[in-house]
Amino acid sequence: ILIGAHTQTHPDLAEMLKSEPSRVASEIIASKREIESRLDVPVHF
């Protein structure tokens, strides 16, 4: 089974981009890195 990222906390990213733009990249990147660290594989999707 391929494992992909779905952010850290499942926020509405478009709305977050308006209200808390600094958090958006963190939600995206941290989710990717957590899976990669746990499974030792790159996450592409």
PDB file of all heavy atoms in Angstrom:
ATOM      1  N   ILE A   1       0.849  -1.191   0.000  1.00  0.00           N
ATOM      2  CA  ILE A   1       0.000   0.000   0.000  1.00  0.00           C
ATOM      3  C   ILE A   1       0.883   1.238   0.000  1.00  0.00           C
ATOM      4  O   ILE A   1       1.806   1.354   0.815  1.00  0.00           O
ATOM      5  CB  ILE A   1      -0.926   0.010   1.232  1.00  0.00           C
ATOM      6  CG1 ILE A   1      -1.836  -1.222   1.232  1.00  0.00           C
ATOM      7  CG2 ILE A   1      -1.750   1.294   1.265  1.00  0.00           C
ATOM      8  CD1 ILE A   1      -2.751  -1.347   0.033  1.00  0.00           C
ATOM      9  N   LEU A   2       0.618   2.149  -0.935  1.00  0.00           N
ATOM     10  CA  LEU A   2       1.379   3.408  -0.999  1.00  0.00           C
ATOM     11  C   LEU A   2       0.812   4.380   0.028  1.00  0.00           C
ATOM     12  O   LEU A   2      -0.407   4.565   0.105  1.00  0.00           O
ATOM     13  CB  LEU A   2       1.289   4.004  -2.402  1.00  0.00           C
ATOM     14  CG  LEU A   2       2.096   5.279  -2.640  1.00  0.00           C
ATOM     15  CD1 LEU A   2       3.592   4.987  -2.645  1.00  0.00           C
ATOM     16  CD2 LEU A   2       1.678   5.951  -3.941  1.00  0.00           C
ATOM     17  N   ILE A   3       1.684   4.998   0.807  1.00  0.00           N
ATOM     18  CA  ILE A   3       1.266   5.951   1.835  1.00  0.00           C
ATOM     19  C   ILE A   3       1.591   7.366   1.371  1.00  0.00           C
ATOM     20  O   ILE A   3       2.725   7.668   0.993  1.00  0.00           O
ATOM     21  CB  ILE A   3       1.966   5.661   3.180  1.00  0.00           C
ATOM     22  CG1 ILE A   3       1.740   4.196   3.600  1.00  0.00           C
ATOM     23  CG2 ILE A   3       1.450   6.623   4.246  1.00  0.00           C
ATOM     24  CD1 ILE A   3       0.291   3.797   3.790  1.00  0.00           C
ATOM     25  N   GLY A   4       0.578   8.225   1.389  1.00  0.00           N
ATOM     26  CA  GLY A   4       0.754   9.616   1.000  1.00  0.00           C
ATOM     27  C   GLY A   4       0.408  10.553   2.144  1.00  0.00           C
ATOM     28  O   GLY A   4      -0.134  10.151   3.176  1.00  0.00           O
ATOM     29  N   ALA A   5       0.693  11.822   1.958  1.00  0.00           N
ATOM     30  CA  ALA A   5       0.473  12.837   2.984  1.00  0.00           C
ATOM     31  C   ALA A   5      -0.900  13.489   2.841  1.00  0.00           C
ATOM     32  O   ALA A   5      -1.430  13.620   1.731  1.00  0.00           O
ATOM     33  CB  ALA A   5       1.566  13.902   2.908  1.00  0.00           C
ATOM     34  N   HIS A   6      -1.453  13.904   3.980  1.00  0.00           N
ATOM     35  CA  HIS A   6      -2.763  14.572   4.004  1.00  0.00           C
ATOM     36  C   HIS A   6      -2.731  15.699   5.030  1.00  0.00           C
ATOM     37  O   HIS A   6      -3.718  15.944   5.726  1.00  0.00           O
ATOM     38  CB  HIS A   6      -3.827  13.531   4.365  1.00  0.00           C
ATOM     39  CG  HIS A   6      -5.233  13.891   3.970  1.00  0.00           C
ATOM     40  ND1 HIS A   6      -5.537  14.605   2.831  1.00  0.00           N
ATOM     41  CD2 HIS A   6      -6.427  13.594   4.566  1.00  0.00           C
ATOM     42  CE1 HIS A   6      -6.849  14.739   2.749  1.00  0.00           C
ATOM     43  NE2 HIS A   6      -7.415  14.140   3.788  1.00  0.00           N
ATOM     44  N   THR A   7      -1.552  16.358   5.114  1.00  0.00           N
ATOM     45  CA  THR A   7      -1.222  17.393   6.098  1.00  0.00           C
ATOM     46  C   THR A   7      -1.073  16.774   7.487  1.00  0.00           C
ATOM     47  O   THR A   7      -1.185  15.569   7.650  1.00  0.00           O
ATOM     48  CB  THR A   7      -2.251  18.548   6.149  1.00  0.00           C
ATOM     49  OG1 THR A   7      -3.471  18.102   6.736  1.00  0.00           O
ATOM     50  CG2 THR A   7      -2.491  19.125   4.766  1.00  0.00           C
ATOM     51  N   GLN A   8      -0.820  17.638   8.468  1.00  0.00           N
ATOM     52  CA  GLN A   8      -0.702  17.161   9.851  1.00  0.00           C
ATOM     53  C   GLN A   8      -2.064  17.048  10.532  1.00  0.00           C
ATOM     54  O   GLN A   8      -2.374  16.032  11.142  1.00  0.00           O
ATOM     55  CB  GLN A   8       0.165  18.122  10.672  1.00  0.00           C
ATOM     56  CG  GLN A   8       1.642  18.120  10.336  1.00  0.00           C
ATOM     57  CD  GLN A   8       2.382  19.150  11.164  1.00  0.00           C
ATOM     58  OE1 GLN A   8       2.229  20.353  10.945  1.00  0.00           O
ATOM     59  NE2 GLN A   8       3.154  18.702  12.131  1.00  0.00           N
ATOM     60  N   THR A   9      -2.880  18.107  10.415  1.00  0.00           N
ATOM     61  CA  THR A   9      -4.097  18.199  11.239  1.00  0.00           C
ATOM     62  C   THR A   9      -5.379  18.304  10.428  1.00  0.00           C
ATOM     63  O   THR A   9      -6.435  18.586  10.981  1.00  0.00           O
ATOM     64  CB  THR A   9      -4.008  19.406  12.184  1.00  0.00           C
ATOM     65  OG1 THR A   9      -3.933  20.618  11.406  1.00  0.00           O
ATOM     66  CG2 THR A   9      -2.782  19.311  13.081  1.00  0.00           C
ATOM     67  N   HIS A  10      -5.307  18.090   9.105  1.00  0.00           N
ATOM     68  CA  HIS A  10      -6.471  18.106   8.224  1.00  0.00           C
ATOM     69  C   HIS A  10      -7.182  19.471   8.194  1.00  0.00           C
ATOM     70  O   HIS A  10      -8.421  19.542   8.277  1.00  0.00           O
ATOM     71  CB  HIS A  10      -7.455  17.003   8.623  1.00  0.00           C
ATOM     72  CG  HIS A  10      -8.361  16.573   7.505  1.00  0.00           C
ATOM     73  ND1 HIS A  10      -9.410  17.351   7.046  1.00  0.00           N
ATOM     74  CD2 HIS A  10      -8.391  15.448   6.758  1.00  0.00           C
ATOM     75  CE1 HIS A  10     -10.049  16.725   6.071  1.00  0.00           C
ATOM     76  NE2 HIS A  10      -9.434  15.560   5.869  1.00  0.00           N
ATOM     77  N   PRO A  11      -6.468  20.575   8.033  1.00  0.00           N
ATOM     78  CA  PRO A  11      -7.139  21.870   7.933  1.00  0.00           C
ATOM     79  C   PRO A  11      -7.586  22.161   6.503  1.00  0.00           C
ATOM     80  O   PRO A  11      -7.146  21.510   5.547  1.00  0.00           O
ATOM     81  CB  PRO A  11      -6.039  22.848   8.347  1.00  0.00           C
ATOM     82  CG  PRO A  11      -4.800  22.206   7.799  1.00  0.00           C
ATOM     83  CD  PRO A  11      -5.005  20.710   7.981  1.00  0.00           C
ATOM     84  N   ASP A  12      -8.440  23.143   6.355  1.00  0.00           N
ATOM     85  CA  ASP A  12      -8.777  23.689   5.040  1.00  0.00           C
ATOM     86  C   ASP A  12      -7.622  24.608   4.647  1.00  0.00           C
ATOM     87  O   ASP A  12      -7.498  25.724   5.145  1.00  0.00           O
ATOM     88  CB  ASP A  12     -10.095  24.466   5.121  1.00  0.00           C
ATOM     89  CG  ASP A  12     -10.556  24.994   3.774  1.00  0.00           C
ATOM     90  OD1 ASP A  12      -9.701  25.437   2.975  1.00  0.00           O
ATOM     91  OD2 ASP A  12     -11.767  24.967   3.521  1.00  0.00           O
ATOM     92  N   LEU A  13      -6.760  24.134   3.777  1.00  0.00           N
ATOM     93  CA  LEU A  13      -5.521  24.865   3.477  1.00  0.00           C
ATOM     94  C   LEU A  13      -5.784  26.214   2.801  1.00  0.00           C
ATOM     95  O   LEU A  13      -5.053  27.179   3.041  1.00  0.00           O
ATOM     96  CB  LEU A  13      -4.611  24.008   2.605  1.00  0.00           C
ATOM     97  CG  LEU A  13      -3.995  22.780   3.273  1.00  0.00           C
ATOM     98  CD1 LEU A  13      -3.198  21.974   2.258  1.00  0.00           C
ATOM     99  CD2 LEU A  13      -3.109  23.166   4.444  1.00  0.00           C
ATOM    100  N   ALA A  14      -6.790  26.279   1.949  1.00  0.00           N
ATOM    101  CA  ALA A  14      -7.087  27.550   1.278  1.00  0.00           C
ATOM    102  C   ALA A  14      -7.523  28.604   2.289  1.00  0.00           C
ATOM    103  O   ALA A  14      -7.119  29.776   2.198  1.00  0.00           O
ATOM    104  CB  ALA A  14      -8.150  27.349   0.205  1.00  0.00           C
ATOM    105  N   GLU A  15      -8.329  28.202   3.267  1.00  0.00           N
ATOM    106  CA  GLU A  15      -8.744  29.145   4.309  1.00  0.00           C
ATOM    107  C   GLU A  15      -7.567  29.495   5.217  1.00  0.00           C
ATOM    108  O   GLU A  15      -7.400  30.645   5.610  1.00  0.00           O
ATOM    109  CB  GLU A  15      -9.889  28.545   5.127  1.00  0.00           C
ATOM    110  CG  GLU A  15     -11.215  28.500   4.399  1.00  0.00           C
ATOM    111  CD  GLU A  15     -11.689  29.887   3.985  1.00  0.00           C
ATOM    112  OE1 GLU A  15     -11.624  30.813   4.815  1.00  0.00           O
ATOM    113  OE2 GLU A  15     -12.121  30.033   2.825  1.00  0.00           O
ATOM    114  N   MET A  16      -6.741  28.511   5.534  1.00  0.00           N
ATOM    115  CA  MET A  16      -5.586  28.755   6.377  1.00  0.00           C
ATOM    116  C   MET A  16      -4.610  29.715   5.711  1.00  0.00           C
ATOM    117  O   MET A  16      -3.951  30.523   6.380  1.00  0.00           O
ATOM    118  CB  MET A  16      -4.885  27.432   6.719  1.00  0.00           C
ATOM    119  CG  MET A  16      -3.677  27.584   7.614  1.00  0.00           C
ATOM    120  SD  MET A  16      -2.931  25.997   8.067  1.00  0.00           S
ATOM    121  CE  MET A  16      -4.040  25.497   9.382  1.00  0.00           C
ATOM    122  N   LEU A  17      -4.516  29.628   4.394  1.00  0.00           N
ATOM    123  CA  LEU A  17      -3.615  30.513   3.657  1.00  0.00           C
ATOM    124  C   LEU A  17      -4.008  31.982   3.835  1.00  0.00           C
ATOM    125  O   LEU A  17      -3.163  32.869   3.807  1.00  0.00           O
ATOM    126  CB  LEU A  17      -3.621  30.138   2.173  1.00  0.00           C
ATOM    127  CG  LEU A  17      -2.450  30.610   1.318  1.00  0.00           C
ATOM    128  CD1 LEU A  17      -1.114  30.097   1.851  1.00  0.00           C
ATOM    129  CD2 LEU A  17      -2.641  30.159  -0.130  1.00  0.00           C
ATOM    130  N   LYS A  18      -5.297  32.222   4.062  1.00  0.00           N
ATOM    131  CA  LYS A  18      -5.783  33.588   4.283  1.00  0.00           C
ATOM    132  C   LYS A  18      -5.531  34.051   5.716  1.00  0.00           C
ATOM    133  O   LYS A  18      -5.185  35.212   5.951  1.00  0.00           O
ATOM    134  CB  LYS A  18      -7.284  33.670   3.999  1.00  0.00           C
ATOM    135  CG  LYS A  18      -7.695  33.314   2.591  1.00  0.00           C
ATOM    136  CD  LYS A  18      -9.213  33.293   2.483  1.00  0.00           C
ATOM    137  CE  LYS A  18      -9.687  32.789   1.137  1.00  0.00           C
ATOM    138  NZ  LYS A  18     -11.172  32.680   1.077  1.00  0.00           N
ATOM    139  N   SER A  19      -5.715  33.133   6.672  1.00  0.00           N
ATOM    140  CA  SER A  19      -5.681  33.532   8.086  1.00  0.00           C
ATOM    141  C   SER A  19      -4.353  33.253   8.785  1.00  0.00           C
ATOM    142  O   SER A  19      -3.928  34.009   9.654  1.00  0.00           O
ATOM    143  CB  SER A  19      -6.809  32.831   8.846  1.00  0.00           C
ATOM    144  OG  SER A  19      -6.670  31.422   8.739  1.00  0.00           O
ATOM    145  N   GLU A  20      -3.713  32.126   8.432  1.00  0.00           N
ATOM    146  CA  GLU A  20      -2.447  31.739   9.058  1.00  0.00           C
ATOM    147  C   GLU A  20      -1.475  31.230   7.998  1.00  0.00           C
ATOM    148  O   GLU A  20      -1.109  30.053   7.992  1.00  0.00           O
ATOM    149  CB  GLU A  20      -2.670  30.646  10.100  1.00  0.00           C
ATOM    150  CG  GLU A  20      -3.587  31.016  11.242  1.00  0.00           C
ATOM    151  CD  GLU A  20      -3.793  29.861  12.195  1.00  0.00           C
ATOM    152  OE1 GLU A  20      -2.983  29.725  13.137  1.00  0.00           O
ATOM    153  OE2 GLU A  20      -4.739  29.081  11.975  1.00  0.00           O
ATOM    154  N   PRO A  21      -1.052  32.085   7.091  1.00  0.00           N
ATOM    155  CA  PRO A  21      -0.230  31.623   5.964  1.00  0.00           C
ATOM    156  C   PRO A  21       1.065  30.948   6.381  1.00  0.00           C
ATOM    157  O   PRO A  21       1.550  30.051   5.689  1.00  0.00           O
ATOM    158  CB  PRO A  21       0.039  32.910   5.169  1.00  0.00           C
ATOM    159  CG  PRO A  21      -0.216  34.028   6.127  1.00  0.00           C
ATOM    160  CD  PRO A  21      -1.296  33.543   7.034  1.00  0.00           C
ATOM    161  N   SER A  22       1.621  31.336   7.519  1.00  0.00           N
ATOM    162  CA  SER A  22       2.890  30.744   7.938  1.00  0.00           C
ATOM    163  C   SER A  22       2.739  29.269   8.318  1.00  0.00           C
ATOM    164  O   SER A  22       3.721  28.519   8.311  1.00  0.00           O
ATOM    165  CB  SER A  22       3.464  31.521   9.131  1.00  0.00           C
ATOM    166  OG  SER A  22       2.580  31.473  10.238  1.00  0.00           O
ATOM    167  N   ARG A  23       1.528  28.836   8.656  1.00  0.00           N
ATOM    168  CA  ARG A  23       1.303  27.455   9.069  1.00  0.00           C
ATOM    169  C   ARG A  23       1.134  26.505   7.888  1.00  0.00           C
ATOM    170  O   ARG A  23       1.291  25.288   8.040  1.00  0.00           O
ATOM    171  CB  ARG A  23       0.062  27.355   9.953  1.00  0.00           C
ATOM    172  CG  ARG A  23       0.271  27.740  11.405  1.00  0.00           C
ATOM    173  CD  ARG A  23      -0.950  27.370  12.217  1.00  0.00           C
ATOM    174  NE  ARG A  23      -1.288  25.940  12.108  1.00  0.00           N
ATOM    175  CZ  ARG A  23      -2.466  25.429  12.450  1.00  0.00           C
ATOM    176  NH1 ARG A  23      -3.423  26.223  12.906  1.00  0.00           N
ATOM    177  NH2 ARG A  23      -2.687  24.135  12.344  1.00  0.00           N
ATOM    178  N   VAL A  24       0.783  27.039   6.728  1.00  0.00           N
ATOM    179  CA  VAL A  24       0.407  26.176   5.610  1.00  0.00           C
ATOM    180  C   VAL A  24       1.569  25.307   5.156  1.00  0.00           C
ATOM    181  O   VAL A  24       1.440  24.085   5.032  1.00  0.00           O
ATOM    182  CB  VAL A  24      -0.143  27.013   4.441  1.00  0.00           C
ATOM    183  CG1 VAL A  24      -0.410  26.123   3.239  1.00  0.00           C
ATOM    184  CG2 VAL A  24      -1.420  27.733   4.855  1.00  0.00           C
ATOM    185  N   ALA A  25       2.718  25.916   4.905  1.00  0.00           N
ATOM    186  CA  ALA A  25       3.877  25.142   4.452  1.00  0.00           C
ATOM    187  C   ALA A  25       4.277  24.119   5.502  1.00  0.00           C
ATOM    188  O   ALA A  25       4.663  22.991   5.157  1.00  0.00           O
ATOM    189  CB  ALA A  25       5.047  26.076   4.143  1.00  0.00           C
ATOM    190  N   SER A  26       4.162  24.478   6.775  1.00  0.00           N
ATOM    191  CA  SER A  26       4.507  23.552   7.847  1.00  0.00           C
ATOM    192  C   SER A  26       3.585  22.337   7.840  1.00  0.00           C
ATOM    193  O   SER A  26       4.042  21.198   7.999  1.00  0.00           O
ATOM    194  CB  SER A  26       4.421  24.257   9.203  1.00  0.00           C
ATOM    195  OG  SER A  26       4.639  23.357  10.255  1.00  0.00           O
ATOM    196  N   GLU A  27       2.287  22.554   7.643  1.00  0.00           N
ATOM    197  CA  GLU A  27       1.325  21.447   7.577  1.00  0.00           C
ATOM    198  C   GLU A  27       1.685  20.477   6.453  1.00  0.00           C
ATOM    199  O   GLU A  27       1.593  19.261   6.609  1.00  0.00           O
ATOM    200  CB  GLU A  27      -0.091  21.987   7.343  1.00  0.00           C
ATOM    201  CG  GLU A  27      -0.750  22.574   8.560  1.00  0.00           C
ATOM    202  CD  GLU A  27      -1.433  21.517   9.430  1.00  0.00           C
ATOM    203  OE1 GLU A  27      -1.543  20.356   8.993  1.00  0.00           O
ATOM    204  OE2 GLU A  27      -1.853  21.863  10.543  1.00  0.00           O
ATOM    205  N   ILE A  28       2.085  21.023   5.327  1.00  0.00           N
ATOM    206  CA  ILE A  28       2.402  20.203   4.153  1.00  0.00           C
ATOM    207  C   ILE A  28       3.730  19.468   4.340  1.00  0.00           C
ATOM    208  O   ILE A  28       3.813  18.248   4.158  1.00  0.00           O
ATOM    209  CB  ILE A  28       2.450  21.090   2.894  1.00  0.00           C
ATOM    210  CG1 ILE A  28       1.048  21.661   2.600  1.00  0.00           C
ATOM    211  CG2 ILE A  28       2.983  20.317   1.690  1.00  0.00           C
ATOM    212  CD1 ILE A  28       1.038  22.760   1.557  1.00  0.00           C
ATOM    213  N   ILE A  29       4.761  20.202   4.709  1.00  0.00           N
ATOM    214  CA  ILE A  29       6.108  19.628   4.782  1.00  0.00           C
ATOM    215  C   ILE A  29       6.245  18.643   5.940  1.00  0.00           C
ATOM    216  O   ILE A  29       6.826  17.568   5.789  1.00  0.00           O
ATOM    217  CB  ILE A  29       7.150  20.759   4.903  1.00  0.00           C
ATOM    218  CG1 ILE A  29       7.173  21.604   3.621  1.00  0.00           C
ATOM    219  CG2 ILE A  29       8.536  20.182   5.174  1.00  0.00           C
ATOM    220  CD1 ILE A  29       7.952  22.895   3.751  1.00  0.00           C
ATOM    221  N   ALA A  30       5.696  19.002   7.108  1.00  0.00           N
ATOM    222  CA  ALA A  30       5.857  18.138   8.279  1.00  0.00           C
ATOM    223  C   ALA A  30       5.165  16.788   8.088  1.00  0.00           C
ATOM    224  O   ALA A  30       5.663  15.748   8.542  1.00  0.00           O
ATOM    225  CB  ALA A  30       5.326  18.840   9.525  1.00  0.00           C
ATOM    226  N   SER A  31       4.025  16.798   7.410  1.00  0.00           N
ATOM    227  CA  SER A  31       3.325  15.539   7.133  1.00  0.00           C
ATOM    228  C   SER A  31       4.184  14.633   6.255  1.00  0.00           C
ATOM    229  O   SER A  31       4.334  13.442   6.519  1.00  0.00           O
ATOM    230  CB  SER A  31       1.989  15.844   6.444  1.00  0.00           C
ATOM    231  OG  SER A  31       1.315  14.669   6.091  1.00  0.00           O
ATOM    232  N   LYS A  32       4.763  15.207   5.236  1.00  0.00           N
ATOM    233  CA  LYS A  32       5.647  14.452   4.334  1.00  0.00           C
ATOM    234  C   LYS A  32       6.835  13.865   5.096  1.00  0.00           C
ATOM    235  O   LYS A  32       7.154  12.668   4.975  1.00  0.00           O
ATOM    236  CB  LYS A  32       6.129  15.378   3.212  1.00  0.00           C
ATOM    237  CG  LYS A  32       7.008  14.737   2.148  1.00  0.00           C
ATOM    238  CD  LYS A  32       7.391  15.796   1.097  1.00  0.00           C
ATOM    239  CE  LYS A  32       7.978  15.179  -0.159  1.00  0.00           C
ATOM    240  NZ  LYS A  32       9.266  14.521   0.054  1.00  0.00           N
ATOM    241  N   ARG A  33       7.473  14.697   5.894  1.00  0.00           N
ATOM    242  CA  ARG A  33       8.677  14.268   6.606  1.00  0.00           C
ATOM    243  C   ARG A  33       8.383  13.197   7.656  1.00  0.00           C
ATOM    244  O   ARG A  33       9.189  12.289   7.871  1.00  0.00           O
ATOM    245  CB  ARG A  33       9.361  15.482   7.241  1.00  0.00           C
ATOM    246  CG  ARG A  33      10.017  16.404   6.221  1.00  0.00           C
ATOM    247  CD  ARG A  33      10.628  17.614   6.882  1.00  0.00           C
ATOM    248  NE  ARG A  33      11.328  18.461   5.904  1.00  0.00           N
ATOM    249  CZ  ARG A  33      11.768  19.675   6.164  1.00  0.00           C
ATOM    250  NH1 ARG A  33      11.610  20.193   7.386  1.00  0.00           N
ATOM    251  NH2 ARG A  33      12.393  20.374   5.231  1.00  0.00           N
ATOM    252  N   GLU A  34       7.224  13.300   8.308  1.00  0.00           N
ATOM    253  CA  GLU A  34       6.868  12.312   9.321  1.00  0.00           C
ATOM    254  C   GLU A  34       6.722  10.923   8.694  1.00  0.00           C
ATOM    255  O   GLU A  34       7.235   9.932   9.215  1.00  0.00           O
ATOM    256  CB  GLU A  34       5.563  12.718  10.007  1.00  0.00           C
ATOM    257  CG  GLU A  34       5.012  11.698  10.990  1.00  0.00           C
ATOM    258  CD  GLU A  34       5.768  11.656  12.319  1.00  0.00           C
ATOM    259  OE1 GLU A  34       6.704  12.440  12.503  1.00  0.00           O
ATOM    260  OE2 GLU A  34       5.397  10.822  13.160  1.00  0.00           O
ATOM    261  N   ILE A  35       6.037  10.855   7.570  1.00  0.00           N
ATOM    262  CA  ILE A  35       5.857   9.557   6.904  1.00  0.00           C
ATOM    263  C   ILE A  35       7.192   9.026   6.408  1.00  0.00           C
ATOM    264  O   ILE A  35       7.501   7.832   6.560  1.00  0.00           O
ATOM    265  CB  ILE A  35       4.851   9.681   5.746  1.00  0.00           C
ATOM    266  CG1 ILE A  35       3.490  10.144   6.267  1.00  0.00           C
ATOM    267  CG2 ILE A  35       4.708   8.341   5.012  1.00  0.00           C
ATOM    268  CD1 ILE A  35       2.539  10.576   5.173  1.00  0.00           C
ATOM    269  N   GLU A  36       7.994   9.896   5.822  1.00  0.00           N
ATOM    270  CA  GLU A  36       9.304   9.462   5.319  1.00  0.00           C
ATOM    271  C   GLU A  36      10.177   8.935   6.447  1.00  0.00           C
ATOM    272  O   GLU A  36      10.888   7.937   6.282  1.00  0.00           O
ATOM    273  CB  GLU A  36       9.979  10.629   4.595  1.00  0.00           C
ATOM    274  CG  GLU A  36       9.312  10.979   3.278  1.00  0.00           C
ATOM    275  CD  GLU A  36       9.902  12.199   2.607  1.00  0.00           C
ATOM    276  OE1 GLU A  36      10.526  13.039   3.310  1.00  0.00           O
ATOM    277  OE2 GLU A  36       9.752  12.337   1.382  1.00  0.00           O
ATOM    278  N   SER A  37      10.108   9.580   7.605  1.00  0.00           N
ATOM    279  CA  SER A  37      10.899   9.146   8.752  1.00  0.00           C
ATOM    280  C   SER A  37      10.416   7.796   9.274  1.00  0.00           C
ATOM    281  O   SER A  37      11.224   6.926   9.603  1.00  0.00           O
ATOM    282  CB  SER A  37      10.823  10.199   9.856  1.00  0.00           C
ATOM    283  OG  SER A  37      11.445   9.750  11.029  1.00  0.00           O
ATOM    284  N   ARG A  38       9.096   7.622   9.326  1.00  0.00           N
ATOM    285  CA  ARG A  38       8.525   6.383   9.859  1.00  0.00           C
ATOM    286  C   ARG A  38       8.756   5.193   8.938  1.00  0.00           C
ATOM    287  O   ARG A  38       9.031   4.079   9.403  1.00  0.00           O
ATOM    288  CB  ARG A  38       7.030   6.553  10.074  1.00  0.00           C
ATOM    289  CG  ARG A  38       6.656   7.571  11.134  1.00  0.00           C
ATOM    290  CD  ARG A  38       6.747   6.985  12.513  1.00  0.00           C
ATOM    291  NE  ARG A  38       6.287   7.951  13.530  1.00  0.00           N
ATOM    292  CZ  ARG A  38       6.183   7.662  14.809  1.00  0.00           C
ATOM    293  NH1 ARG A  38       6.470   6.442  15.248  1.00  0.00           N
ATOM    294  NH2 ARG A  38       5.782   8.579  15.665  1.00  0.00           N
ATOM    295  N   LEU A  39       8.624   5.414   7.635  1.00  0.00           N
ATOM    296  CA  LEU A  39       8.661   4.304   6.680  1.00  0.00           C
ATOM    297  C   LEU A  39       9.980   4.199   5.924  1.00  0.00           C
ATOM    298  O   LEU A  39      10.200   3.208   5.212  1.00  0.00           O
ATOM    299  CB  LEU A  39       7.510   4.442   5.682  1.00  0.00           C
ATOM    300  CG  LEU A  39       6.094   4.510   6.274  1.00  0.00           C
ATOM    301  CD1 LEU A  39       5.070   4.602   5.148  1.00  0.00           C
ATOM    302  CD2 LEU A  39       5.817   3.327   7.177  1.00  0.00           C
ATOM    303  N   ASP A  40      10.820   5.205   6.047  1.00  0.00           N
ATOM    304  CA  ASP A  40      12.115   5.223   5.359  1.00  0.00           C
ATOM    305  C   ASP A  40      11.948   5.105   3.840  1.00  0.00           C
ATOM    306  O   ASP A  40      12.673   4.361   3.172  1.00  0.00           O
ATOM    307  CB  ASP A  40      13.026   4.107   5.875  1.00  0.00           C
ATOM    308  CG  ASP A  40      14.484   4.303   5.462  1.00  0.00           C
ATOM    309  OD1 ASP A  40      14.879   5.468   5.258  1.00  0.00           O
ATOM    310  OD2 ASP A  40      15.209   3.305   5.335  1.00  0.00           O
ATOM    311  N   VAL A  41      10.966   5.826   3.300  1.00  0.00           N
ATOM    312  CA  VAL A  41      10.745   5.903   1.853  1.00  0.00           C
ATOM    313  C   VAL A  41      10.374   7.339   1.503  1.00  0.00           C
ATOM    314  O   VAL A  41       9.819   8.060   2.333  1.00  0.00           O
ATOM    315  CB  VAL A  41       9.611   4.961   1.385  1.00  0.00           C
ATOM    316  CG1 VAL A  41      10.014   3.502   1.530  1.00  0.00           C
ATOM    317  CG2 VAL A  41       8.308   5.256   2.109  1.00  0.00           C
ATOM    318  N   PRO A  42      10.654   7.775   0.272  1.00  0.00           N
ATOM    319  CA  PRO A  42      10.206   9.103  -0.127  1.00  0.00           C
ATOM    320  C   PRO A  42       8.699   9.143  -0.303  1.00  0.00           C
ATOM    321  O   PRO A  42       8.080   8.156  -0.703  1.00  0.00           O
ATOM    322  CB  PRO A  42      10.930   9.339  -1.465  1.00  0.00           C
ATOM    323  CG  PRO A  42      11.212   7.967  -1.988  1.00  0.00           C
ATOM    324  CD  PRO A  42      11.446   7.108  -0.783  1.00  0.00           C
ATOM    325  N   VAL A  43       8.100  10.281   0.018  1.00  0.00           N
ATOM    326  CA  VAL A  43       6.662  10.479  -0.159  1.00  0.00           C
ATOM    327  C   VAL A  43       6.469  11.481  -1.290  1.00  0.00           C
ATOM    328  O   VAL A  43       6.904  12.627  -1.198  1.00  0.00           O
ATOM    329  CB  VAL A  43       6.012  10.992   1.142  1.00  0.00           C
ATOM    330  CG1 VAL A  43       4.554  11.374   0.912  1.00  0.00           C
ATOM    331  CG2 VAL A  43       6.115   9.923   2.225  1.00  0.00           C
ATOM    332  N   HIS A  44       5.825  11.027  -2.360  1.00  0.00           N
ATOM    333  CA  HIS A  44       5.714  11.838  -3.569  1.00  0.00           C
ATOM    334  C   HIS A  44       4.330  12.436  -3.796  1.00  0.00           C
ATOM    335  O   HIS A  44       4.179  13.297  -4.664  1.00  0.00           O
ATOM    336  CB  HIS A  44       6.085  11.006  -4.797  1.00  0.00           C
ATOM    337  CG  HIS A  44       7.522  10.635  -4.860  1.00  0.00           C
ATOM    338  ND1 HIS A  44       7.966   9.441  -5.398  1.00  0.00           N
ATOM    339  CD2 HIS A  44       8.631  11.301  -4.451  1.00  0.00           C
ATOM    340  CE1 HIS A  44       9.280   9.390  -5.325  1.00  0.00           C
ATOM    341  NE2 HIS A  44       9.707  10.498  -4.756  1.00  0.00           N
ATOM    342  N   PHE A  45       3.321  11.990  -3.029  1.00  0.00           N
ATOM    343  CA  PHE A  45       1.957  12.429  -3.318  1.00  0.00           C
ATOM    344  C   PHE A  45       1.224  12.841  -2.044  1.00  0.00           C
ATOM    345  O   PHE A  45       1.476  12.315  -0.962  1.00  0.00           O
ATOM    346  CB  PHE A  45       1.173  11.305  -4.014  1.00  0.00           C
ATOM    347  CG  PHE A  45       1.702  10.994  -5.386  1.00  0.00           C
ATOM    348  CD1 PHE A  45       2.632   9.990  -5.562  1.00  0.00           C
ATOM    349  CD2 PHE A  45       1.289  11.734  -6.478  1.00  0.00           C
ATOM    350  CE1 PHE A  45       3.148   9.717  -6.820  1.00  0.00           C
ATOM    351  CE2 PHE A  45       1.800  11.471  -7.738  1.00  0.00           C
ATOM    352  CZ  PHE A  45       2.728  10.457  -7.919  1.00  0.00           C
TER     353      PHE A  45
END
